[in-house]
Amino acid sequence: MIPGALALAISYLSGSIPTAYLAGRVVKGIDLRTVGSGNLGATNVYRTMGAKVAAVVFVVDVLKGALPVLLLPALVLSPVEMEATNAPLWYGIACGVAAILGHAKPVFLMGRGGGKGVATAAGIFLALAPLPLGIALLAFVLVLWRTGYVSAASLTAAVVLVASLFALMGWRSPVTLIGVLICAFVFWSHRANIARLRNGTEHRFSRSKPTEGS
């Protein structure tokens, strides 16, 4: 067994792994914070380096949220606590929040240039509430297909996730509460995108391959 504080630290460090930044350095020798939108997320990776690299970044970012939630509570709690209490759920939520904080403020980048947390949040709910997450992902795909805006799709998915959690798990569930808080965080992290959506200057998602030097 390990102390709970150590589990939270591991979760934060997991979230802090700057997947998109590392991909930019390894694949193209660039700092992705200075290219495209400047965001360290899978969308900017796609625009800059293509679908295959973006898919890897997205999967790793999801795992950064899912694995701490799935694995660390069992290292903190006794078998009896794992079976007979709600402690695994609360520890899982705490580890998930720590992972998102790491993603947003990565220690490996001196707390600067983190991502917006959507993929890592998806990993948390993949572990805690897969059905509501599936409904939210369906909403994401539909909005992206209809509008071409990744930001609008992400914001819609966050709202749909909360609505699904309310409907399927109830408003008293800790998972619903954390869903509301993470939804608020997603809106906060997309505040610049929201402003661009309002004035019509937001970038649309492009299906075309990235050009050299883009």
C-alpha atoms as a PDB file:
ATOM      1  CA  MET A   1       0.000   0.000   0.000  1.00  0.00           C
ATOM      2  CA  ILE A   2       1.026   3.572  -0.655  1.00  0.00           C
ATOM      3  CA  PRO A   3      -0.030   6.845   1.027  1.00  0.00           C
ATOM      4  CA  GLY A   4      -2.964   8.681  -0.521  1.00  0.00           C
ATOM      5  CA  ALA A   5      -0.811  11.763  -1.015  1.00  0.00           C
ATOM      6  CA  LEU A   6       1.612   9.731  -3.100  1.00  0.00           C
ATOM      7  CA  ALA A   7      -1.261   8.458  -5.251  1.00  0.00           C
ATOM      8  CA  LEU A   8      -2.344  12.045  -5.899  1.00  0.00           C
ATOM      9  CA  ALA A   9       1.225  13.041  -6.744  1.00  0.00           C
ATOM     10  CA  ILE A  10       1.519  10.145  -9.194  1.00  0.00           C
ATOM     11  CA  SER A  11      -1.782  11.186 -10.782  1.00  0.00           C
ATOM     12  CA  TYR A  12      -0.610  14.775 -11.146  1.00  0.00           C
ATOM     13  CA  LEU A  13       2.687  13.665 -12.691  1.00  0.00           C
ATOM     14  CA  SER A  14       0.807  11.357 -15.055  1.00  0.00           C
ATOM     15  CA  GLY A  15      -1.377  14.239 -16.179  1.00  0.00           C
ATOM     16  CA  SER A  16       1.691  16.446 -16.528  1.00  0.00           C
ATOM     17  CA  ILE A  17       3.254  14.289 -19.244  1.00  0.00           C
ATOM     18  CA  PRO A  18       3.121  16.774 -22.188  1.00  0.00           C
ATOM     19  CA  THR A  19       2.148  14.262 -24.865  1.00  0.00           C
ATOM     20  CA  ALA A  20       1.517  16.779 -27.643  1.00  0.00           C
ATOM     21  CA  TYR A  21       4.680  18.726 -26.837  1.00  0.00           C
ATOM     22  CA  LEU A  22       6.770  15.548 -26.937  1.00  0.00           C
ATOM     23  CA  ALA A  23       5.150  14.492 -30.210  1.00  0.00           C
ATOM     24  CA  GLY A  24       6.038  17.826 -31.781  1.00  0.00           C
ATOM     25  CA  ARG A  25       9.635  17.586 -30.632  1.00  0.00           C
ATOM     26  CA  VAL A  26      10.099  13.952 -31.677  1.00  0.00           C
ATOM     27  CA  VAL A  27       8.210  13.949 -34.989  1.00  0.00           C
ATOM     28  CA  LYS A  28       8.995  17.405 -36.368  1.00  0.00           C
ATOM     29  CA  GLY A  29      11.457  19.031 -33.993  1.00  0.00           C
ATOM     30  CA  ILE A  30       9.014  21.837 -33.200  1.00  0.00           C
ATOM     31  CA  ASP A  31       7.512  23.388 -30.102  1.00  0.00           C
ATOM     32  CA  LEU A  32       3.793  22.908 -30.700  1.00  0.00           C
ATOM     33  CA  ARG A  33       3.064  25.877 -28.436  1.00  0.00           C
ATOM     34  CA  THR A  34       4.407  28.120 -31.228  1.00  0.00           C
ATOM     35  CA  VAL A  35       2.608  26.405 -34.122  1.00  0.00           C
ATOM     36  CA  GLY A  36      -1.013  26.483 -35.242  1.00  0.00           C
ATOM     37  CA  SER A  37      -3.345  27.303 -32.366  1.00  0.00           C
ATOM     38  CA  GLY A  38      -0.502  26.920 -29.870  1.00  0.00           C
ATOM     39  CA  ASN A  39      -2.566  24.450 -27.854  1.00  0.00           C
ATOM     40  CA  LEU A  40      -1.017  21.195 -26.675  1.00  0.00           C
ATOM     41  CA  GLY A  41      -3.935  19.031 -27.724  1.00  0.00           C
ATOM     42  CA  ALA A  42      -4.769  16.391 -30.298  1.00  0.00           C
ATOM     43  CA  THR A  43      -6.530  18.868 -32.615  1.00  0.00           C
ATOM     44  CA  ASN A  44      -3.439  21.035 -33.014  1.00  0.00           C
ATOM     45  CA  VAL A  45      -1.349  17.884 -33.447  1.00  0.00           C
ATOM     46  CA  TYR A  46      -3.696  16.779 -36.241  1.00  0.00           C
ATOM     47  CA  ARG A  47      -3.425  20.092 -38.027  1.00  0.00           C
ATOM     48  CA  THR A  48       0.343  20.122 -37.701  1.00  0.00           C
ATOM     49  CA  MET A  49       1.430  16.490 -37.959  1.00  0.00           C
ATOM     50  CA  GLY A  50      -1.509  14.479 -39.235  1.00  0.00           C
ATOM     51  CA  ALA A  51      -4.080  11.958 -38.057  1.00  0.00           C
ATOM     52  CA  LYS A  52      -1.772   9.123 -36.987  1.00  0.00           C
ATOM     53  CA  VAL A  53       0.256  11.239 -34.577  1.00  0.00           C
ATOM     54  CA  ALA A  54      -2.909  12.950 -33.316  1.00  0.00           C
ATOM     55  CA  ALA A  55      -4.520   9.570 -32.614  1.00  0.00           C
ATOM     56  CA  VAL A  56      -1.535   8.489 -30.515  1.00  0.00           C
ATOM     57  CA  VAL A  57      -1.574  11.771 -28.579  1.00  0.00           C
ATOM     58  CA  PHE A  58      -5.321  11.466 -27.970  1.00  0.00           C
ATOM     59  CA  VAL A  59      -5.091   7.887 -26.703  1.00  0.00           C
ATOM     60  CA  VAL A  60      -2.198   8.692 -24.364  1.00  0.00           C
ATOM     61  CA  ASP A  61      -4.029  11.749 -23.019  1.00  0.00           C
ATOM     62  CA  VAL A  62      -7.109   9.586 -22.348  1.00  0.00           C
ATOM     63  CA  LEU A  63      -4.970   7.019 -20.539  1.00  0.00           C
ATOM     64  CA  LYS A  64      -3.447   9.795 -18.423  1.00  0.00           C
ATOM     65  CA  GLY A  65      -6.904  10.243 -16.919  1.00  0.00           C
ATOM     66  CA  ALA A  66      -8.146   6.656 -16.924  1.00  0.00           C
ATOM     67  CA  LEU A  67      -5.210   4.718 -15.489  1.00  0.00           C
ATOM     68  CA  PRO A  68      -4.803   6.653 -12.213  1.00  0.00           C
ATOM     69  CA  VAL A  69      -8.537   6.303 -11.559  1.00  0.00           C
ATOM     70  CA  LEU A  70      -8.522   2.581 -12.313  1.00  0.00           C
ATOM     71  CA  LEU A  71      -5.255   1.525 -10.692  1.00  0.00           C
ATOM     72  CA  LEU A  72      -4.250   3.777  -7.824  1.00  0.00           C
ATOM     73  CA  PRO A  73      -7.161   3.325  -5.366  1.00  0.00           C
ATOM     74  CA  ALA A  74      -6.257  -0.373  -5.076  1.00  0.00           C
ATOM     75  CA  LEU A  75      -2.730   0.628  -4.090  1.00  0.00           C
ATOM     76  CA  VAL A  76      -3.967   2.980  -1.362  1.00  0.00           C
ATOM     77  CA  LEU A  77      -6.820   1.004   0.188  1.00  0.00           C
ATOM     78  CA  SER A  78      -7.024  -2.384   1.852  1.00  0.00           C
ATOM     79  CA  PRO A  79      -9.072  -5.173   0.220  1.00  0.00           C
ATOM     80  CA  VAL A  80     -11.802  -4.661   2.806  1.00  0.00           C
ATOM     81  CA  GLU A  81     -11.994  -0.927   2.056  1.00  0.00           C
ATOM     82  CA  MET A  82     -12.082  -1.665  -1.666  1.00  0.00           C
ATOM     83  CA  GLU A  83     -15.057  -3.990  -1.251  1.00  0.00           C
ATOM     84  CA  ALA A  84     -17.060  -2.503   1.604  1.00  0.00           C
ATOM     85  CA  THR A  85     -16.807   1.287   1.291  1.00  0.00           C
ATOM     86  CA  ASN A  86     -17.141   4.144  -1.172  1.00  0.00           C
ATOM     87  CA  ALA A  87     -13.493   5.023  -0.655  1.00  0.00           C
ATOM     88  CA  PRO A  88     -12.367   3.609  -4.050  1.00  0.00           C
ATOM     89  CA  LEU A  89     -14.769   5.944  -5.841  1.00  0.00           C
ATOM     90  CA  TRP A  90     -13.617   8.992  -3.876  1.00  0.00           C
ATOM     91  CA  TYR A  91      -9.952   8.144  -4.336  1.00  0.00           C
ATOM     92  CA  GLY A  92     -10.581   7.557  -8.042  1.00  0.00           C
ATOM     93  CA  ILE A  93     -12.236  10.965  -8.364  1.00  0.00           C
ATOM     94  CA  ALA A  94      -9.399  12.644  -6.474  1.00  0.00           C
ATOM     95  CA  CYS A  95      -6.804  10.967  -8.687  1.00  0.00           C
ATOM     96  CA  GLY A  96      -8.724  12.023 -11.781  1.00  0.00           C
ATOM     97  CA  VAL A  97      -8.878  15.639 -10.666  1.00  0.00           C
ATOM     98  CA  ALA A  98      -5.140  15.570  -9.951  1.00  0.00           C
ATOM     99  CA  ALA A  99      -4.491  14.215 -13.458  1.00  0.00           C
ATOM    100  CA  ILE A 100      -6.505  17.039 -15.037  1.00  0.00           C
ATOM    101  CA  LEU A 101      -4.618  19.600 -12.968  1.00  0.00           C
ATOM    102  CA  GLY A 102      -1.385  18.099 -14.218  1.00  0.00           C
ATOM    103  CA  HIS A 103      -2.589  18.245 -17.804  1.00  0.00           C
ATOM    104  CA  ALA A 104      -3.620  21.894 -17.439  1.00  0.00           C
ATOM    105  CA  LYS A 105      -0.539  22.948 -15.447  1.00  0.00           C
ATOM    106  CA  PRO A 106       2.178  20.425 -16.337  1.00  0.00           C
ATOM    107  CA  VAL A 107       5.119  20.489 -13.980  1.00  0.00           C
ATOM    108  CA  PHE A 108       7.375  19.239 -16.777  1.00  0.00           C
ATOM    109  CA  LEU A 109       6.675  22.476 -18.690  1.00  0.00           C
ATOM    110  CA  MET A 110       6.993  24.678 -15.590  1.00  0.00           C
ATOM    111  CA  GLY A 111       3.211  24.928 -15.326  1.00  0.00           C
ATOM    112  CA  ARG A 112       2.843  26.620 -18.713  1.00  0.00           C
ATOM    113  CA  GLY A 113       1.321  25.509 -21.986  1.00  0.00           C
ATOM    114  CA  GLY A 114      -0.992  22.773 -20.739  1.00  0.00           C
ATOM    115  CA  GLY A 115      -3.881  21.372 -22.734  1.00  0.00           C
ATOM    116  CA  LYS A 116      -7.589  22.038 -22.287  1.00  0.00           C
ATOM    117  CA  GLY A 117      -8.246  18.767 -20.518  1.00  0.00           C
ATOM    118  CA  VAL A 118     -10.943  17.260 -22.742  1.00  0.00           C
ATOM    119  CA  ALA A 119      -9.164  13.991 -23.574  1.00  0.00           C
ATOM    120  CA  THR A 120      -7.903  13.514 -20.013  1.00  0.00           C
ATOM    121  CA  ALA A 121     -11.401  14.207 -18.656  1.00  0.00           C
ATOM    122  CA  ALA A 122     -12.750  11.633 -21.116  1.00  0.00           C
ATOM    123  CA  GLY A 123     -10.324   9.127 -19.606  1.00  0.00           C
ATOM    124  CA  ILE A 124     -11.632   9.814 -16.124  1.00  0.00           C
ATOM    125  CA  PHE A 125     -15.215   9.137 -17.158  1.00  0.00           C
ATOM    126  CA  LEU A 126     -14.174   6.141 -19.227  1.00  0.00           C
ATOM    127  CA  ALA A 127     -13.152   4.674 -15.875  1.00  0.00           C
ATOM    128  CA  LEU A 128     -16.019   6.051 -13.753  1.00  0.00           C
ATOM    129  CA  ALA A 129     -19.042   6.276 -16.079  1.00  0.00           C
ATOM    130  CA  PRO A 130     -18.502   4.688 -19.507  1.00  0.00           C
ATOM    131  CA  LEU A 131     -22.131   4.850 -20.670  1.00  0.00           C
ATOM    132  CA  PRO A 132     -22.586   8.602 -20.055  1.00  0.00           C
ATOM    133  CA  LEU A 133     -19.199   9.137 -21.686  1.00  0.00           C
ATOM    134  CA  GLY A 134     -20.339   7.163 -24.734  1.00  0.00           C
ATOM    135  CA  ILE A 135     -23.420   9.378 -25.051  1.00  0.00           C
ATOM    136  CA  ALA A 136     -21.243  12.484 -24.745  1.00  0.00           C
ATOM    137  CA  LEU A 137     -18.831  11.196 -27.409  1.00  0.00           C
ATOM    138  CA  LEU A 138     -21.754  10.604 -29.761  1.00  0.00           C
ATOM    139  CA  ALA A 139     -22.802  14.226 -29.221  1.00  0.00           C
ATOM    140  CA  PHE A 140     -19.216  15.325 -29.900  1.00  0.00           C
ATOM    141  CA  VAL A 141     -19.101  13.467 -33.214  1.00  0.00           C
ATOM    142  CA  LEU A 142     -22.494  14.789 -34.337  1.00  0.00           C
ATOM    143  CA  VAL A 143     -21.694  18.427 -33.528  1.00  0.00           C
ATOM    144  CA  LEU A 144     -18.258  18.191 -35.123  1.00  0.00           C
ATOM    145  CA  TRP A 145     -19.777  16.645 -38.257  1.00  0.00           C
ATOM    146  CA  ARG A 146     -22.511  19.299 -38.477  1.00  0.00           C
ATOM    147  CA  THR A 147     -20.451  22.392 -37.609  1.00  0.00           C
ATOM    148  CA  GLY A 148     -16.781  21.571 -38.160  1.00  0.00           C
ATOM    149  CA  TYR A 149     -15.862  23.184 -34.823  1.00  0.00           C
ATOM    150  CA  VAL A 150     -13.930  20.999 -32.377  1.00  0.00           C
ATOM    151  CA  SER A 151     -14.453  23.571 -29.636  1.00  0.00           C
ATOM    152  CA  ALA A 152     -18.237  23.577 -30.097  1.00  0.00           C
ATOM    153  CA  ALA A 153     -18.236  19.787 -30.118  1.00  0.00           C
ATOM    154  CA  SER A 154     -16.171  19.661 -26.913  1.00  0.00           C
ATOM    155  CA  LEU A 155     -18.435  22.134 -25.119  1.00  0.00           C
ATOM    156  CA  THR A 156     -21.555  20.284 -26.242  1.00  0.00           C
ATOM    157  CA  ALA A 157     -20.106  16.960 -25.131  1.00  0.00           C
ATOM    158  CA  ALA A 158     -19.330  18.404 -21.685  1.00  0.00           C
ATOM    159  CA  VAL A 159     -22.946  19.525 -21.252  1.00  0.00           C
ATOM    160  CA  VAL A 160     -24.350  16.242 -22.584  1.00  0.00           C
ATOM    161  CA  LEU A 161     -22.079  14.312 -20.221  1.00  0.00           C
ATOM    162  CA  VAL A 162     -23.463  16.175 -17.218  1.00  0.00           C
ATOM    163  CA  ALA A 163     -27.053  15.671 -18.432  1.00  0.00           C
ATOM    164  CA  SER A 164     -26.378  11.955 -18.919  1.00  0.00           C
ATOM    165  CA  LEU A 165     -24.846  11.657 -15.460  1.00  0.00           C
ATOM    166  CA  PHE A 166     -27.903  13.342 -13.943  1.00  0.00           C
ATOM    167  CA  ALA A 167     -30.239  11.023 -15.837  1.00  0.00           C
ATOM    168  CA  LEU A 168     -28.372   7.765 -15.238  1.00  0.00           C
ATOM    169  CA  MET A 169     -26.649   8.262 -11.870  1.00  0.00           C
ATOM    170  CA  GLY A 170     -28.680  10.964 -10.138  1.00  0.00           C
ATOM    171  CA  TRP A 171     -27.731  14.388  -8.864  1.00  0.00           C
ATOM    172  CA  ARG A 172     -26.441  13.009  -5.547  1.00  0.00           C
ATOM    173  CA  SER A 173     -23.780  10.845  -7.162  1.00  0.00           C
ATOM    174  CA  PRO A 174     -20.181  12.018  -6.577  1.00  0.00           C
ATOM    175  CA  VAL A 175     -19.530  11.241 -10.236  1.00  0.00           C
ATOM    176  CA  THR A 176     -22.255  13.689 -11.258  1.00  0.00           C
ATOM    177  CA  LEU A 177     -20.761  16.350  -8.991  1.00  0.00           C
ATOM    178  CA  ILE A 178     -17.312  15.922 -10.490  1.00  0.00           C
ATOM    179  CA  GLY A 179     -18.918  15.960 -13.929  1.00  0.00           C
ATOM    180  CA  VAL A 180     -20.392  19.400 -13.205  1.00  0.00           C
ATOM    181  CA  LEU A 181     -17.037  20.703 -11.981  1.00  0.00           C
ATOM    182  CA  ILE A 182     -15.146  19.313 -14.973  1.00  0.00           C
ATOM    183  CA  CYS A 183     -17.777  20.721 -17.343  1.00  0.00           C
ATOM    184  CA  ALA A 184     -17.185  24.142 -15.783  1.00  0.00           C
ATOM    185  CA  PHE A 185     -13.439  23.660 -16.203  1.00  0.00           C
ATOM    186  CA  VAL A 186     -13.867  22.737 -19.885  1.00  0.00           C
ATOM    187  CA  PHE A 187     -15.884  25.912 -20.477  1.00  0.00           C
ATOM    188  CA  TRP A 188     -13.244  27.946 -18.656  1.00  0.00           C
ATOM    189  CA  SER A 189     -10.391  26.415 -20.642  1.00  0.00           C
ATOM    190  CA  HIS A 190     -12.304  27.125 -23.874  1.00  0.00           C
ATOM    191  CA  ARG A 191     -13.124  30.739 -23.033  1.00  0.00           C
ATOM    192  CA  ALA A 192     -11.015  32.062 -25.940  1.00  0.00           C
ATOM    193  CA  ASN A 193     -12.700  29.597 -28.296  1.00  0.00           C
ATOM    194  CA  ILE A 194     -16.115  30.712 -27.073  1.00  0.00           C
ATOM    195  CA  ALA A 195     -15.208  34.314 -27.852  1.00  0.00           C
ATOM    196  CA  ARG A 196     -14.093  33.321 -31.369  1.00  0.00           C
ATOM    197  CA  LEU A 197     -17.271  31.299 -31.909  1.00  0.00           C
ATOM    198  CA  ARG A 198     -19.306  34.355 -30.983  1.00  0.00           C
ATOM    199  CA  ASN A 199     -17.507  36.674 -33.409  1.00  0.00           C
ATOM    200  CA  GLY A 200     -17.202  34.091 -36.198  1.00  0.00           C
ATOM    201  CA  THR A 201     -13.412  33.741 -36.233  1.00  0.00           C
ATOM    202  CA  GLU A 202     -13.055  30.243 -34.757  1.00  0.00           C
ATOM    203  CA  HIS A 203     -11.027  27.787 -36.855  1.00  0.00           C
ATOM    204  CA  ARG A 204     -12.946  24.917 -38.412  1.00  0.00           C
ATOM    205  CA  PHE A 205     -11.671  21.371 -38.202  1.00  0.00           C
ATOM    206  CA  SER A 206      -9.930  20.506 -41.476  1.00  0.00           C
ATOM    207  CA  ARG A 207      -9.925  17.015 -42.920  1.00  0.00           C
ATOM    208  CA  SER A 208      -7.078  17.922 -45.266  1.00  0.00           C
ATOM    209  CA  LYS A 209      -3.569  16.664 -44.599  1.00  0.00           C
ATOM    210  CA  PRO A 210      -1.164  19.122 -42.962  1.00  0.00           C
ATOM    211  CA  THR A 211       1.181  20.857 -45.302  1.00  0.00           C
ATOM    212  CA  GLU A 212       4.915  21.055 -44.731  1.00  0.00           C
ATOM    213  CA  GLY A 213       5.721  23.953 -42.465  1.00  0.00           C
ATOM    214  CA  SER A 214       2.107  24.479 -41.466  1.00  0.00           C
END
